[in-house]
């Protein structure tokens, strides 16, 4: 069986890129697998910023609760 690996275009910036998936038979890609390397890095950075922001908010809420006790 001949394996063809098509070049894809990034969902964000529409630039073409080659897939870096190790398993070409994988049928459903995650959102980040459908992004070019630059957009994937930006996506990961945004996720980390959001997670950090949620952590800081939770920490602030815990500190406020301790002050009230």
PDB file of N, CA and C in Angstrom:
ATOM      1  N   UNK A   1       0.843  -1.189   0.000  1.00  0.00           N
ATOM      2  CA  UNK A   1       0.000   0.000   0.000  1.00  0.00           C
ATOM      3  C   UNK A   1       0.886   1.249   0.000  1.00  0.00           C
ATOM      4  N   UNK A   2       0.610   2.166  -0.863  1.00  0.00           N
ATOM      5  CA  UNK A   2       1.367   3.412  -0.958  1.00  0.00           C
ATOM      6  C   UNK A   2       0.796   4.403   0.041  1.00  0.00           C
ATOM      7  N   UNK A   3       1.691   5.017   0.802  1.00  0.00           N
ATOM      8  CA  UNK A   3       1.271   6.003   1.798  1.00  0.00           C
ATOM      9  C   UNK A   3       1.528   7.397   1.255  1.00  0.00           C
ATOM     10  N   UNK A   4       0.484   8.171   1.088  1.00  0.00           N
ATOM     11  CA  UNK A   4       0.624   9.553   0.639  1.00  0.00           C
ATOM     12  C   UNK A   4       0.375  10.465   1.826  1.00  0.00           C
ATOM     13  N   UNK A   5       1.246  11.395   2.009  1.00  0.00           N
ATOM     14  CA  UNK A   5       1.066  12.363   3.087  1.00  0.00           C
ATOM     15  C   UNK A   5       0.929  13.739   2.459  1.00  0.00           C
ATOM     16  N   UNK A   6      -0.278  14.240   2.494  1.00  0.00           N
ATOM     17  CA  UNK A   6      -0.560  15.526   1.860  1.00  0.00           C
ATOM     18  C   UNK A   6      -0.062  16.669   2.728  1.00  0.00           C
ATOM     19  N   UNK A   7       0.374  17.717   2.093  1.00  0.00           N
ATOM     20  CA  UNK A   7       0.680  18.941   2.828  1.00  0.00           C
ATOM     21  C   UNK A   7      -0.639  19.539   3.282  1.00  0.00           C
ATOM     22  N   UNK A   8      -0.626  20.115   4.425  1.00  0.00           N
ATOM     23  CA  UNK A   8      -1.841  20.688   4.986  1.00  0.00           C
ATOM     24  C   UNK A   8      -1.689  22.190   5.073  1.00  0.00           C
ATOM     25  N   UNK A   9      -2.813  22.849   5.303  1.00  0.00           N
ATOM     26  CA  UNK A   9      -2.731  24.281   5.559  1.00  0.00           C
ATOM     27  C   UNK A   9      -3.188  24.521   6.995  1.00  0.00           C
ATOM     28  N   UNK A  10      -2.530  25.453   7.630  1.00  0.00           N
ATOM     29  CA  UNK A  10      -2.793  25.787   9.026  1.00  0.00           C
ATOM     30  C   UNK A  10      -4.221  26.320   9.172  1.00  0.00           C
ATOM     31  N   UNK A  11      -4.908  25.881  10.213  1.00  0.00           N
ATOM     32  CA  UNK A  11      -6.265  26.368  10.448  1.00  0.00           C
ATOM     33  C   UNK A  11      -6.290  27.849  10.803  1.00  0.00           C
ATOM     34  N   UNK A  12      -5.225  28.337  11.424  1.00  0.00           N
ATOM     35  CA  UNK A  12      -5.177  29.727  11.873  1.00  0.00           C
ATOM     36  C   UNK A  12      -4.730  30.682  10.766  1.00  0.00           C
ATOM     37  N   UNK A  13      -3.541  30.447  10.220  1.00  0.00           N
ATOM     38  CA  UNK A  13      -2.966  31.407   9.267  1.00  0.00           C
ATOM     39  C   UNK A  13      -3.075  30.953   7.809  1.00  0.00           C
ATOM     40  N   UNK A  14      -3.546  29.742   7.590  1.00  0.00           N
ATOM     41  CA  UNK A  14      -3.775  29.176   6.247  1.00  0.00           C
ATOM     42  C   UNK A  14      -2.494  28.915   5.461  1.00  0.00           C
ATOM     43  N   UNK A  15      -1.333  29.025   6.118  1.00  0.00           N
ATOM     44  CA  UNK A  15      -0.070  28.733   5.440  1.00  0.00           C
ATOM     45  C   UNK A  15       0.108  27.221   5.334  1.00  0.00           C
ATOM     46  N   UNK A  16       0.654  26.744   4.214  1.00  0.00           N
ATOM     47  CA  UNK A  16       0.885  25.301   4.091  1.00  0.00           C
ATOM     48  C   UNK A  16       2.020  24.843   5.007  1.00  0.00           C
ATOM     49  N   UNK A  17       1.909  23.609   5.475  1.00  0.00           N
ATOM     50  CA  UNK A  17       2.965  23.012   6.293  1.00  0.00           C
ATOM     51  C   UNK A  17       2.867  21.501   6.169  1.00  0.00           C
ATOM     52  N   UNK A  18       3.958  20.821   6.477  1.00  0.00           N
ATOM     53  CA  UNK A  18       3.945  19.364   6.466  1.00  0.00           C
ATOM     54  C   UNK A  18       3.555  18.865   7.844  1.00  0.00           C
ATOM     55  N   UNK A  19       2.703  17.876   7.868  1.00  0.00           N
ATOM     56  CA  UNK A  19       2.261  17.305   9.130  1.00  0.00           C
ATOM     57  C   UNK A  19       3.434  16.653   9.841  1.00  0.00           C
ATOM     58  N   UNK A  20       3.467  16.816  11.156  1.00  0.00           N
ATOM     59  CA  UNK A  20       4.530  16.199  11.950  1.00  0.00           C
ATOM     60  C   UNK A  20       4.010  15.009  12.739  1.00  0.00           C
ATOM     61  N   UNK A  21       2.819  14.537  12.407  1.00  0.00           N
ATOM     62  CA  UNK A  21       2.263  13.395  13.122  1.00  0.00           C
ATOM     63  C   UNK A  21       3.094  12.153  12.854  1.00  0.00           C
ATOM     64  N   UNK A  22       3.418  11.432  13.905  1.00  0.00           N
ATOM     65  CA  UNK A  22       4.195  10.202  13.759  1.00  0.00           C
ATOM     66  C   UNK A  22       3.367   9.085  13.146  1.00  0.00           C
ATOM     67  N   UNK A  23       2.073   9.075  13.409  1.00  0.00           N
ATOM     68  CA  UNK A  23       1.204   8.010  12.921  1.00  0.00           C
ATOM     69  C   UNK A  23       0.289   8.563  11.834  1.00  0.00           C
ATOM     70  N   UNK A  24       0.611   8.375  10.562  1.00  0.00           N
ATOM     71  CA  UNK A  24      -0.205   8.940   9.491  1.00  0.00           C
ATOM     72  C   UNK A  24      -1.577   8.298   9.372  1.00  0.00           C
ATOM     73  N   UNK A  25      -1.809   7.173  10.058  1.00  0.00           N
ATOM     74  CA  UNK A  25      -3.111   6.517  10.008  1.00  0.00           C
ATOM     75  C   UNK A  25      -4.076   7.074  11.048  1.00  0.00           C
ATOM     76  N   UNK A  26      -3.596   7.980  11.871  1.00  0.00           N
ATOM     77  CA  UNK A  26      -4.427   8.576  12.905  1.00  0.00           C
ATOM     78  C   UNK A  26      -5.533   9.377  12.231  1.00  0.00           C
ATOM     79  N   UNK A  27      -6.790   9.054  12.539  1.00  0.00           N
ATOM     80  CA  UNK A  27      -7.906   9.629  11.793  1.00  0.00           C
ATOM     81  C   UNK A  27      -8.340  11.000  12.291  1.00  0.00           C
ATOM     82  N   UNK A  28      -8.302  11.231  13.581  1.00  0.00           N
ATOM     83  CA  UNK A  28      -8.780  12.501  14.123  1.00  0.00           C
ATOM     84  C   UNK A  28      -7.621  13.208  14.812  1.00  0.00           C
ATOM     85  N   UNK A  29      -7.277  14.369  14.318  1.00  0.00           N
ATOM     86  CA  UNK A  29      -6.182  15.149  14.899  1.00  0.00           C
ATOM     87  C   UNK A  29      -6.728  16.094  15.956  1.00  0.00           C
ATOM     88  N   UNK A  30      -5.882  16.423  16.913  1.00  0.00           N
ATOM     89  CA  UNK A  30      -6.275  17.451  17.869  1.00  0.00           C
ATOM     90  C   UNK A  30      -6.149  18.808  17.175  1.00  0.00           C
ATOM     91  N   UNK A  31      -6.702  19.827  17.786  1.00  0.00           N
ATOM     92  CA  UNK A  31      -6.662  21.160  17.173  1.00  0.00           C
ATOM     93  C   UNK A  31      -5.232  21.623  16.951  1.00  0.00           C
ATOM     94  N   UNK A  32      -4.350  21.356  17.904  1.00  0.00           N
ATOM     95  CA  UNK A  32      -2.974  21.835  17.763  1.00  0.00           C
ATOM     96  C   UNK A  32      -2.212  21.095  16.675  1.00  0.00           C
ATOM     97  N   UNK A  33      -2.625  19.862  16.342  1.00  0.00           N
ATOM     98  CA  UNK A  33      -1.970  19.121  15.261  1.00  0.00           C
ATOM     99  C   UNK A  33      -2.308  19.690  13.890  1.00  0.00           C
ATOM    100  N   UNK A  34      -3.295  20.568  13.831  1.00  0.00           N
ATOM    101  CA  UNK A  34      -3.727  21.141  12.563  1.00  0.00           C
ATOM    102  C   UNK A  34      -3.207  22.562  12.384  1.00  0.00           C
ATOM    103  N   UNK A  35      -2.207  22.924  13.198  1.00  0.00           N
ATOM    104  CA  UNK A  35      -1.609  24.254  13.125  1.00  0.00           C
ATOM    105  C   UNK A  35      -0.159  24.146  12.690  1.00  0.00           C
ATOM    106  N   UNK A  36       0.327  25.188  12.025  1.00  0.00           N
ATOM    107  CA  UNK A  36       1.739  25.234  11.658  1.00  0.00           C
ATOM    108  C   UNK A  36       2.561  25.415  12.938  1.00  0.00           C
ATOM    109  N   UNK A  37       3.856  25.174  12.897  1.00  0.00           N
ATOM    110  CA  UNK A  37       4.670  25.292  14.119  1.00  0.00           C
ATOM    111  C   UNK A  37       4.565  26.653  14.817  1.00  0.00           C
ATOM    112  N   UNK A  38       4.534  27.732  14.062  1.00  0.00           N
ATOM    113  CA  UNK A  38       4.452  29.065  14.680  1.00  0.00           C
ATOM    114  C   UNK A  38       3.113  29.255  15.392  1.00  0.00           C
ATOM    115  N   UNK A  39       2.027  28.874  14.744  1.00  0.00           N
ATOM    116  CA  UNK A  39       0.704  29.016  15.358  1.00  0.00           C
ATOM    117  C   UNK A  39       0.533  28.038  16.516  1.00  0.00           C
ATOM    118  N   UNK A  40       1.147  26.853  16.408  1.00  0.00           N
ATOM    119  CA  UNK A  40       1.085  25.875  17.494  1.00  0.00           C
ATOM    120  C   UNK A  40       1.767  26.432  18.744  1.00  0.00           C
ATOM    121  N   UNK A  41       2.883  27.125  18.562  1.00  0.00           N
ATOM    122  CA  UNK A  41       3.587  27.730  19.695  1.00  0.00           C
ATOM    123  C   UNK A  41       2.735  28.826  20.327  1.00  0.00           C
ATOM    124  N   UNK A  42       2.104  29.650  19.491  1.00  0.00           N
ATOM    125  CA  UNK A  42       1.236  30.719  19.991  1.00  0.00           C
ATOM    126  C   UNK A  42       0.044  30.121  20.750  1.00  0.00           C
ATOM    127  N   UNK A  43      -0.530  29.057  20.208  1.00  0.00           N
ATOM    128  CA  UNK A  43      -1.659  28.363  20.836  1.00  0.00           C
ATOM    129  C   UNK A  43      -1.252  27.825  22.214  1.00  0.00           C
ATOM    130  N   UNK A  44      -0.093  27.186  22.284  1.00  0.00           N
ATOM    131  CA  UNK A  44       0.391  26.639  23.554  1.00  0.00           C
ATOM    132  C   UNK A  44       0.643  27.754  24.568  1.00  0.00           C
ATOM    133  N   UNK A  45       1.185  28.867  24.107  1.00  0.00           N
ATOM    134  CA  UNK A  45       1.436  30.010  24.986  1.00  0.00           C
ATOM    135  C   UNK A  45       0.126  30.555  25.540  1.00  0.00           C
ATOM    136  N   UNK A  46      -0.880  30.685  24.680  1.00  0.00           N
ATOM    137  CA  UNK A  46      -2.187  31.167  25.132  1.00  0.00           C
ATOM    138  C   UNK A  46      -2.799  30.230  26.171  1.00  0.00           C
ATOM    139  N   UNK A  47      -2.682  28.917  25.943  1.00  0.00           N
ATOM    140  CA  UNK A  47      -3.215  27.953  26.904  1.00  0.00           C
ATOM    141  C   UNK A  47      -2.530  28.090  28.260  1.00  0.00           C
ATOM    142  N   UNK A  48      -1.219  28.244  28.237  1.00  0.00           N
ATOM    143  CA  UNK A  48      -0.477  28.375  29.486  1.00  0.00           C
ATOM    144  C   UNK A  48      -0.828  29.674  30.211  1.00  0.00           C
ATOM    145  N   UNK A  49      -1.020  30.762  29.461  1.00  0.00           N
ATOM    146  CA  UNK A  49      -1.408  32.033  30.080  1.00  0.00           C
ATOM    147  C   UNK A  49      -2.767  31.904  30.759  1.00  0.00           C
ATOM    148  N   UNK A  50      -3.720  31.245  30.076  1.00  0.00           N
ATOM    149  CA  UNK A  50      -5.053  31.067  30.652  1.00  0.00           C
ATOM    150  C   UNK A  50      -4.995  30.210  31.911  1.00  0.00           C
ATOM    151  N   UNK A  51      -4.213  29.144  31.875  1.00  0.00           N
ATOM    152  CA  UNK A  51      -4.088  28.272  33.044  1.00  0.00           C
ATOM    153  C   UNK A  51      -3.453  29.023  34.211  1.00  0.00           C
ATOM    154  N   UNK A  52      -2.445  29.812  33.936  1.00  0.00           N
ATOM    155  CA  UNK A  52      -1.794  30.601  34.983  1.00  0.00           C
ATOM    156  C   UNK A  52      -2.760  31.622  35.568  1.00  0.00           C
ATOM    157  N   UNK A  53      -3.540  32.254  34.708  1.00  0.00           N
ATOM    158  CA  UNK A  53      -4.502  33.250  35.179  1.00  0.00           C
ATOM    159  C   UNK A  53      -5.546  32.603  36.094  1.00  0.00           C
ATOM    160  N   UNK A  54      -6.037  31.409  35.720  1.00  0.00           N
ATOM    161  CA  UNK A  54      -7.001  30.709  36.574  1.00  0.00           C
ATOM    162  C   UNK A  54      -6.373  30.337  37.918  1.00  0.00           C
ATOM    163  N   UNK A  55      -5.125  29.915  37.884  1.00  0.00           N
ATOM    164  CA  UNK A  55      -4.435  29.553  39.127  1.00  0.00           C
ATOM    165  C   UNK A  55      -4.283  30.760  40.042  1.00  0.00           C
ATOM    166  N   UNK A  56      -3.936  31.892  39.483  1.00  0.00           N
ATOM    167  CA  UNK A  56      -3.787  33.118  40.275  1.00  0.00           C
ATOM    168  C   UNK A  56      -5.132  33.524  40.864  1.00  0.00           C
ATOM    169  N   UNK A  57      -6.202  33.422  40.080  1.00  0.00           N
ATOM    170  CA  UNK A  57      -7.530  33.765  40.588  1.00  0.00           C
ATOM    171  C   UNK A  57      -7.924  32.861  41.755  1.00  0.00           C
ATOM    172  N   UNK A  58      -7.650  31.563  41.628  1.00  0.00           N
ATOM    173  CA  UNK A  58      -7.968  30.633  42.718  1.00  0.00           C
ATOM    174  C   UNK A  58      -7.152  30.953  43.961  1.00  0.00           C
ATOM    175  N   UNK A  59      -5.885  31.270  43.770  1.00  0.00           N
ATOM    176  CA  UNK A  59      -5.027  31.621  44.896  1.00  0.00           C
ATOM    177  C   UNK A  59      -5.543  32.873  45.601  1.00  0.00           C
ATOM    178  N   UNK A  60      -5.942  33.866  44.839  1.00  0.00           N
ATOM    179  CA  UNK A  60      -6.481  35.102  45.429  1.00  0.00           C
ATOM    180  C   UNK A  60      -7.762  34.819  46.205  1.00  0.00           C
ATOM    181  N   UNK A  61      -8.625  33.954  45.666  1.00  0.00           N
ATOM    182  CA  UNK A  61      -9.859  33.596  46.369  1.00  0.00           C
ATOM    183  C   UNK A  61      -9.546  32.891  47.686  1.00  0.00           C
ATOM    184  N   UNK A  62      -8.573  31.993  47.674  1.00  0.00           N
ATOM    185  CA  UNK A  62      -8.191  31.296  48.901  1.00  0.00           C
ATOM    186  C   UNK A  62      -7.623  32.260  49.937  1.00  0.00           C
ATOM    187  N   UNK A  63      -6.822  33.228  49.496  1.00  0.00           N
ATOM    188  CA  UNK A  63      -6.263  34.212  50.419  1.00  0.00           C
ATOM    189  C   UNK A  63      -7.364  35.068  51.033  1.00  0.00           C
ATOM    190  N   UNK A  64      -8.354  35.450  50.234  1.00  0.00           N
ATOM    191  CA  UNK A  64      -9.473  36.247  50.751  1.00  0.00           C
ATOM    192  C   UNK A  64     -10.258  35.460  51.795  1.00  0.00           C
ATOM    193  N   UNK A  65     -10.476  34.179  51.542  1.00  0.00           N
ATOM    194  CA  UNK A  65     -11.198  33.346  52.509  1.00  0.00           C
ATOM    195  C   UNK A  65     -10.439  33.254  53.826  1.00  0.00           C
ATOM    196  N   UNK A  66      -9.133  33.114  53.747  1.00  0.00           N
ATOM    197  CA  UNK A  66      -8.323  33.014  54.969  1.00  0.00           C
ATOM    198  C   UNK A  66      -8.352  34.318  55.759  1.00  0.00           C
ATOM    199  N   UNK A  67      -8.385  35.449  55.058  1.00  0.00           N
ATOM    200  CA  UNK A  67      -8.440  36.745  55.748  1.00  0.00           C
ATOM    201  C   UNK A  67      -9.757  36.900  56.501  1.00  0.00           C
ATOM    202  N   UNK A  68     -10.839  36.367  55.947  1.00  0.00           N
ATOM    203  CA  UNK A  68     -12.161  36.502  56.567  1.00  0.00           C
ATOM    204  C   UNK A  68     -12.314  35.601  57.785  1.00  0.00           C
ATOM    205  N   UNK A  69     -11.512  34.553  57.879  1.00  0.00           N
ATOM    206  CA  UNK A  69     -11.652  33.616  59.012  1.00  0.00           C
ATOM    207  C   UNK A  69     -10.982  34.114  60.254  1.00  0.00           C
TER     208      UNK A  69
END
